[in-house]
């Protein structure tokens, strides 16, 4: 056998071996794919039927929707209840003040009814009693009097009507209260109108 013939024979054997190896690989790949299909089919047999799964999802969705509706209803009820309470606060905010002022009115009405039959001293005493009732009514709702006579001038609570030189008072001291002020808790309703001491000019002390 010549060298060319041997080479051709060897190449033919190599091609045949390569073809056989390729055929074996394809066969193995086919078997592996078949095995995957069989395993997939076996695993799928344990899952619930499509109809059962859909029914379970439907029930879950319905439960979640009902929970949402209940939450919305509760929130709406809370808003309505809060609105009613706020309206009641606005409408009846002066209830306590009204309860305190009514006795004052009764006292004044009684004093006027008997004015022709009492002396001046009795009228004055009645007026003082009425003023005391009014002060109590104001205090019951947190309204306090500002009477700063003799105190340092406070621009946040006092309104200076005039400055008056005084040797008896330190500068910026309230000498006279022209009109008392009032505050509601920590809110100023009306400043006290006052006359404030000023330094005495030199040569006049």
C-alpha atoms as a PDB file:
ATOM      1  CA  UNK A   1       0.000   0.000   0.000  1.00  0.00           C
ATOM      2  CA  UNK A   2       1.398   3.371  -1.016  1.00  0.00           C
ATOM      3  CA  UNK A   3       1.876   6.300   1.332  1.00  0.00           C
ATOM      4  CA  UNK A   4      -1.004   8.248  -0.357  1.00  0.00           C
ATOM      5  CA  UNK A   5      -3.324   5.295   0.021  1.00  0.00           C
ATOM      6  CA  UNK A   6      -2.493   4.947   3.724  1.00  0.00           C
ATOM      7  CA  UNK A   7      -3.084   8.655   4.236  1.00  0.00           C
ATOM      8  CA  UNK A   8      -6.476   8.503   2.531  1.00  0.00           C
ATOM      9  CA  UNK A   9      -7.456   5.465   4.578  1.00  0.00           C
ATOM     10  CA  UNK A  10      -6.436   7.163   7.811  1.00  0.00           C
ATOM     11  CA  UNK A  11      -8.423  10.296   6.955  1.00  0.00           C
ATOM     12  CA  UNK A  12     -11.469   8.176   6.142  1.00  0.00           C
ATOM     13  CA  UNK A  13     -11.239   6.414   9.491  1.00  0.00           C
ATOM     14  CA  UNK A  14     -10.938   9.779  11.312  1.00  0.00           C
ATOM     15  CA  UNK A  15     -14.013  11.150   9.497  1.00  0.00           C
ATOM     16  CA  UNK A  16     -15.984   8.038  10.381  1.00  0.00           C
ATOM     17  CA  UNK A  17     -14.958   8.331  14.035  1.00  0.00           C
ATOM     18  CA  UNK A  18     -15.924  12.016  14.104  1.00  0.00           C
ATOM     19  CA  UNK A  19     -19.323  11.283  12.586  1.00  0.00           C
ATOM     20  CA  UNK A  20     -19.920   8.506  15.118  1.00  0.00           C
ATOM     21  CA  UNK A  21     -18.968  10.819  18.011  1.00  0.00           C
ATOM     22  CA  UNK A  22     -21.345  13.486  16.724  1.00  0.00           C
ATOM     23  CA  UNK A  23     -24.104  10.926  16.448  1.00  0.00           C
ATOM     24  CA  UNK A  24     -23.498   9.789  20.021  1.00  0.00           C
ATOM     25  CA  UNK A  25     -23.583  13.391  21.299  1.00  0.00           C
ATOM     26  CA  UNK A  26     -26.893  14.030  19.559  1.00  0.00           C
ATOM     27  CA  UNK A  27     -28.309  10.856  21.038  1.00  0.00           C
ATOM     28  CA  UNK A  28     -27.195  11.826  24.539  1.00  0.00           C
ATOM     29  CA  UNK A  29     -28.683  15.319  24.141  1.00  0.00           C
ATOM     30  CA  UNK A  30     -31.955  13.808  23.023  1.00  0.00           C
ATOM     31  CA  UNK A  31     -32.073  11.502  26.023  1.00  0.00           C
ATOM     32  CA  UNK A  32     -31.321  14.379  28.383  1.00  0.00           C
ATOM     33  CA  UNK A  33     -34.113  16.467  26.880  1.00  0.00           C
ATOM     34  CA  UNK A  34     -36.511  13.551  27.162  1.00  0.00           C
ATOM     35  CA  UNK A  35     -35.563  13.125  30.807  1.00  0.00           C
ATOM     36  CA  UNK A  36     -36.276  16.814  31.475  1.00  0.00           C
ATOM     37  CA  UNK A  37     -39.678  16.494  29.865  1.00  0.00           C
ATOM     38  CA  UNK A  38     -40.477  13.434  31.978  1.00  0.00           C
ATOM     39  CA  UNK A  39     -39.372  15.220  35.175  1.00  0.00           C
ATOM     40  CA  UNK A  40     -41.408  18.285  34.292  1.00  0.00           C
ATOM     41  CA  UNK A  41     -44.463  16.180  33.734  1.00  0.00           C
ATOM     42  CA  UNK A  42     -43.974  14.364  37.027  1.00  0.00           C
ATOM     43  CA  UNK A  43     -43.564  17.657  38.954  1.00  0.00           C
ATOM     44  CA  UNK A  44     -46.631  19.176  37.341  1.00  0.00           C
ATOM     45  CA  UNK A  45     -48.813  16.350  38.542  1.00  0.00           C
ATOM     46  CA  UNK A  46     -48.452  17.647  42.131  1.00  0.00           C
ATOM     47  CA  UNK A  47     -49.769  21.186  41.332  1.00  0.00           C
ATOM     48  CA  UNK A  48     -53.473  21.990  41.782  1.00  0.00           C
ATOM     49  CA  UNK A  49     -55.633  22.090  38.756  1.00  0.00           C
ATOM     50  CA  UNK A  50     -55.887  25.454  36.958  1.00  0.00           C
ATOM     51  CA  UNK A  51     -59.517  25.899  38.061  1.00  0.00           C
ATOM     52  CA  UNK A  52     -58.685  25.389  41.748  1.00  0.00           C
ATOM     53  CA  UNK A  53     -55.797  27.842  41.553  1.00  0.00           C
ATOM     54  CA  UNK A  54     -57.979  30.505  39.920  1.00  0.00           C
ATOM     55  CA  UNK A  55     -60.684  30.004  42.571  1.00  0.00           C
ATOM     56  CA  UNK A  56     -58.112  30.412  45.382  1.00  0.00           C
ATOM     57  CA  UNK A  57     -56.806  33.623  43.830  1.00  0.00           C
ATOM     58  CA  UNK A  58     -60.363  34.915  43.416  1.00  0.00           C
ATOM     59  CA  UNK A  59     -61.141  34.307  47.102  1.00  0.00           C
ATOM     60  CA  UNK A  60     -57.924  36.070  48.168  1.00  0.00           C
ATOM     61  CA  UNK A  61     -58.713  39.058  45.974  1.00  0.00           C
ATOM     62  CA  UNK A  62     -62.260  39.254  47.358  1.00  0.00           C
ATOM     63  CA  UNK A  63     -60.987  39.157  50.969  1.00  0.00           C
ATOM     64  CA  UNK A  64     -58.480  41.939  50.275  1.00  0.00           C
ATOM     65  CA  UNK A  65     -61.194  44.045  48.603  1.00  0.00           C
ATOM     66  CA  UNK A  66     -63.508  43.635  51.601  1.00  0.00           C
ATOM     67  CA  UNK A  67     -60.691  44.659  53.949  1.00  0.00           C
ATOM     68  CA  UNK A  68     -60.104  47.749  51.823  1.00  0.00           C
ATOM     69  CA  UNK A  69     -63.797  48.676  51.889  1.00  0.00           C
ATOM     70  CA  UNK A  70     -63.924  48.304  55.682  1.00  0.00           C
ATOM     71  CA  UNK A  71     -60.839  50.498  56.088  1.00  0.00           C
ATOM     72  CA  UNK A  72     -62.351  53.172  53.839  1.00  0.00           C
ATOM     73  CA  UNK A  73     -65.626  53.087  55.783  1.00  0.00           C
ATOM     74  CA  UNK A  74     -63.834  53.383  59.132  1.00  0.00           C
ATOM     75  CA  UNK A  75     -61.786  56.329  57.885  1.00  0.00           C
ATOM     76  CA  UNK A  76     -64.915  58.054  56.568  1.00  0.00           C
ATOM     77  CA  UNK A  77     -66.687  57.553  59.913  1.00  0.00           C
ATOM     78  CA  UNK A  78     -63.675  58.995  61.742  1.00  0.00           C
ATOM     79  CA  UNK A  79     -63.679  62.080  59.518  1.00  0.00           C
ATOM     80  CA  UNK A  80     -67.393  62.645  60.030  1.00  0.00           C
ATOM     81  CA  UNK A  81     -67.088  62.190  63.801  1.00  0.00           C
ATOM     82  CA  UNK A  82     -64.180  64.641  63.957  1.00  0.00           C
ATOM     83  CA  UNK A  83     -66.111  67.175  61.879  1.00  0.00           C
ATOM     84  CA  UNK A  84     -69.116  66.922  64.252  1.00  0.00           C
ATOM     85  CA  UNK A  85     -66.900  67.362  67.307  1.00  0.00           C
ATOM     86  CA  UNK A  86     -65.176  70.388  65.756  1.00  0.00           C
ATOM     87  CA  UNK A  87     -68.533  71.930  64.882  1.00  0.00           C
ATOM     88  CA  UNK A  88     -69.739  71.419  68.463  1.00  0.00           C
ATOM     89  CA  UNK A  89     -66.587  73.087  69.796  1.00  0.00           C
ATOM     90  CA  UNK A  90     -67.147  76.081  67.526  1.00  0.00           C
ATOM     91  CA  UNK A  91     -70.847  76.334  68.297  1.00  0.00           C
ATOM     92  CA  UNK A  92     -70.607  75.940  72.063  1.00  0.00           C
ATOM     93  CA  UNK A  93     -67.189  77.505  72.717  1.00  0.00           C
ATOM     94  CA  UNK A  94     -68.801  80.310  74.767  1.00  0.00           C
ATOM     95  CA  UNK A  95     -70.887  77.919  76.878  1.00  0.00           C
ATOM     96  CA  UNK A  96     -68.760  78.318  80.017  1.00  0.00           C
ATOM     97  CA  UNK A  97     -68.584  82.091  79.587  1.00  0.00           C
ATOM     98  CA  UNK A  98     -72.342  82.218  79.125  1.00  0.00           C
ATOM     99  CA  UNK A  99     -72.907  80.234  82.298  1.00  0.00           C
ATOM    100  CA  UNK A 100     -70.706  82.702  84.181  1.00  0.00           C
ATOM    101  CA  UNK A 101     -72.216  85.845  82.684  1.00  0.00           C
ATOM    102  CA  UNK A 102     -75.867  84.938  83.259  1.00  0.00           C
ATOM    103  CA  UNK A 103     -75.646  85.505  87.057  1.00  0.00           C
ATOM    104  CA  UNK A 104     -74.120  88.915  86.319  1.00  0.00           C
ATOM    105  CA  UNK A 105     -77.077  89.817  84.177  1.00  0.00           C
ATOM    106  CA  UNK A 106     -79.495  88.554  86.816  1.00  0.00           C
ATOM    107  CA  UNK A 107     -77.766  90.714  89.432  1.00  0.00           C
ATOM    108  CA  UNK A 108     -77.898  93.820  87.259  1.00  0.00           C
ATOM    109  CA  UNK A 109     -81.538  93.206  86.397  1.00  0.00           C
ATOM    110  CA  UNK A 110     -82.437  92.822  90.072  1.00  0.00           C
ATOM    111  CA  UNK A 111     -80.528  96.011  90.950  1.00  0.00           C
ATOM    112  CA  UNK A 112     -82.366  98.015  88.314  1.00  0.00           C
ATOM    113  CA  UNK A 113     -85.702  96.625  89.402  1.00  0.00           C
ATOM    114  CA  UNK A 114     -85.115  97.813  92.995  1.00  0.00           C
ATOM    115  CA  UNK A 115     -83.230 101.029  92.204  1.00  0.00           C
ATOM    116  CA  UNK A 116     -86.119 103.268  93.209  1.00  0.00           C
ATOM    117  CA  UNK A 117     -86.441 101.641  96.642  1.00  0.00           C
ATOM    118  CA  UNK A 118     -82.805 101.507  97.832  1.00  0.00           C
ATOM    119  CA  UNK A 119     -80.254 104.087  98.884  1.00  0.00           C
ATOM    120  CA  UNK A 120     -76.993 104.909  97.124  1.00  0.00           C
ATOM    121  CA  UNK A 121     -74.893 102.832  99.499  1.00  0.00           C
ATOM    122  CA  UNK A 122     -76.921  99.713  98.722  1.00  0.00           C
ATOM    123  CA  UNK A 123     -76.609 100.367  94.990  1.00  0.00           C
ATOM    124  CA  UNK A 124     -72.839 100.669  95.307  1.00  0.00           C
ATOM    125  CA  UNK A 125     -72.613  97.410  97.235  1.00  0.00           C
ATOM    126  CA  UNK A 126     -74.767  95.717  94.620  1.00  0.00           C
ATOM    127  CA  UNK A 127     -72.543  97.060  91.828  1.00  0.00           C
ATOM    128  CA  UNK A 128     -69.467  95.709  93.584  1.00  0.00           C
ATOM    129  CA  UNK A 129     -71.084  92.303  93.976  1.00  0.00           C
ATOM    130  CA  UNK A 130     -72.005  92.327  90.292  1.00  0.00           C
ATOM    131  CA  UNK A 131     -68.444  93.249  89.297  1.00  0.00           C
ATOM    132  CA  UNK A 132     -67.139  90.391  91.418  1.00  0.00           C
ATOM    133  CA  UNK A 133     -69.469  87.973  89.644  1.00  0.00           C
ATOM    134  CA  UNK A 134     -68.237  89.246  86.291  1.00  0.00           C
ATOM    135  CA  UNK A 135     -64.601  88.792  87.294  1.00  0.00           C
ATOM    136  CA  UNK A 136     -65.339  85.218  88.342  1.00  0.00           C
ATOM    137  CA  UNK A 137     -67.046  84.546  85.020  1.00  0.00           C
ATOM    138  CA  UNK A 138     -64.018  85.850  83.107  1.00  0.00           C
ATOM    139  CA  UNK A 139     -61.590  83.846  85.238  1.00  0.00           C
ATOM    140  CA  UNK A 140     -63.598  80.678  84.618  1.00  0.00           C
ATOM    141  CA  UNK A 141     -62.717  80.858  80.904  1.00  0.00           C
ATOM    142  CA  UNK A 142     -59.088  81.870  81.437  1.00  0.00           C
ATOM    143  CA  UNK A 143     -59.409  85.653  81.062  1.00  0.00           C
ATOM    144  CA  UNK A 144     -57.123  87.448  83.499  1.00  0.00           C
ATOM    145  CA  UNK A 145     -56.817  91.110  84.394  1.00  0.00           C
ATOM    146  CA  UNK A 146     -53.626  93.088  83.710  1.00  0.00           C
ATOM    147  CA  UNK A 147     -53.190  95.793  86.358  1.00  0.00           C
ATOM    148  CA  UNK A 148     -49.492  96.815  86.215  1.00  0.00           C
ATOM    149  CA  UNK A 149     -49.466  99.771  88.630  1.00  0.00           C
ATOM    150  CA  UNK A 150     -45.971 100.091  90.130  1.00  0.00           C
ATOM    151  CA  UNK A 151     -44.497  97.474  87.780  1.00  0.00           C
ATOM    152  CA  UNK A 152     -41.852  97.977  85.089  1.00  0.00           C
ATOM    153  CA  UNK A 153     -43.289  98.938  81.714  1.00  0.00           C
ATOM    154  CA  UNK A 154     -43.732  95.881  79.446  1.00  0.00           C
ATOM    155  CA  UNK A 155     -44.306  96.810  75.786  1.00  0.00           C
ATOM    156  CA  UNK A 156     -45.740  93.347  75.079  1.00  0.00           C
ATOM    157  CA  UNK A 157     -48.617  93.907  77.541  1.00  0.00           C
ATOM    158  CA  UNK A 158     -48.744  97.664  78.146  1.00  0.00           C
ATOM    159  CA  UNK A 159     -49.515 100.653  75.946  1.00  0.00           C
ATOM    160  CA  UNK A 160     -47.852 103.894  77.072  1.00  0.00           C
ATOM    161  CA  UNK A 161     -50.268 106.809  76.864  1.00  0.00           C
ATOM    162  CA  UNK A 162     -47.737 109.345  78.199  1.00  0.00           C
ATOM    163  CA  UNK A 163     -44.357 109.751  79.904  1.00  0.00           C
ATOM    164  CA  UNK A 164     -44.375 111.700  83.163  1.00  0.00           C
ATOM    165  CA  UNK A 165     -41.273 112.818  85.077  1.00  0.00           C
ATOM    166  CA  UNK A 166     -41.316 111.386  88.589  1.00  0.00           C
ATOM    167  CA  UNK A 167     -38.838 111.526  91.444  1.00  0.00           C
ATOM    168  CA  UNK A 168     -40.777 108.907  93.382  1.00  0.00           C
ATOM    169  CA  UNK A 169     -40.606 106.161  90.729  1.00  0.00           C
ATOM    170  CA  UNK A 170     -37.762 104.582  88.812  1.00  0.00           C
ATOM    171  CA  UNK A 171     -37.701 105.397  85.100  1.00  0.00           C
ATOM    172  CA  UNK A 172     -39.956 103.174  82.950  1.00  0.00           C
ATOM    173  CA  UNK A 173     -42.161 102.308  85.914  1.00  0.00           C
ATOM    174  CA  UNK A 174     -45.938 102.374  85.467  1.00  0.00           C
ATOM    175  CA  UNK A 175     -47.261 105.313  87.505  1.00  0.00           C
ATOM    176  CA  UNK A 176     -50.934 105.228  86.596  1.00  0.00           C
ATOM    177  CA  UNK A 177     -53.178 102.649  84.928  1.00  0.00           C
ATOM    178  CA  UNK A 178     -55.592 104.529  82.681  1.00  0.00           C
ATOM    179  CA  UNK A 179     -57.332 101.364  81.498  1.00  0.00           C
ATOM    180  CA  UNK A 180     -56.682  97.810  82.650  1.00  0.00           C
ATOM    181  CA  UNK A 181     -55.677  95.171  80.144  1.00  0.00           C
ATOM    182  CA  UNK A 182     -56.795  91.560  79.758  1.00  0.00           C
ATOM    183  CA  UNK A 183     -55.268  88.339  78.449  1.00  0.00           C
ATOM    184  CA  UNK A 184     -56.754  84.975  77.556  1.00  0.00           C
ATOM    185  CA  UNK A 185     -54.349  82.361  78.888  1.00  0.00           C
ATOM    186  CA  UNK A 186     -51.130  83.456  77.115  1.00  0.00           C
ATOM    187  CA  UNK A 187     -52.829  85.580  74.409  1.00  0.00           C
ATOM    188  CA  UNK A 188     -53.211  89.310  74.847  1.00  0.00           C
ATOM    189  CA  UNK A 189     -56.801  90.509  74.424  1.00  0.00           C
ATOM    190  CA  UNK A 190     -56.169  94.160  75.233  1.00  0.00           C
ATOM    191  CA  UNK A 191     -53.035  95.950  76.489  1.00  0.00           C
ATOM    192  CA  UNK A 192     -53.175  97.970  79.658  1.00  0.00           C
ATOM    193  CA  UNK A 193     -53.076 101.701  78.899  1.00  0.00           C
ATOM    194  CA  UNK A 194     -50.654 103.344  81.276  1.00  0.00           C
ATOM    195  CA  UNK A 195     -48.645 106.429  82.149  1.00  0.00           C
ATOM    196  CA  UNK A 196     -44.950 105.687  82.541  1.00  0.00           C
ATOM    197  CA  UNK A 197     -42.383 107.395  84.746  1.00  0.00           C
ATOM    198  CA  UNK A 198     -39.619 109.349  83.064  1.00  0.00           C
ATOM    199  CA  UNK A 199     -36.377 110.677  84.565  1.00  0.00           C
ATOM    200  CA  UNK A 200     -36.685 114.082  86.219  1.00  0.00           C
ATOM    201  CA  UNK A 201     -34.754 116.728  84.280  1.00  0.00           C
ATOM    202  CA  UNK A 202     -31.621 117.952  86.011  1.00  0.00           C
ATOM    203  CA  UNK A 203     -32.209 121.018  88.133  1.00  0.00           C
ATOM    204  CA  UNK A 204     -35.844 120.137  88.856  1.00  0.00           C
ATOM    205  CA  UNK A 205     -35.257 117.264  91.268  1.00  0.00           C
END
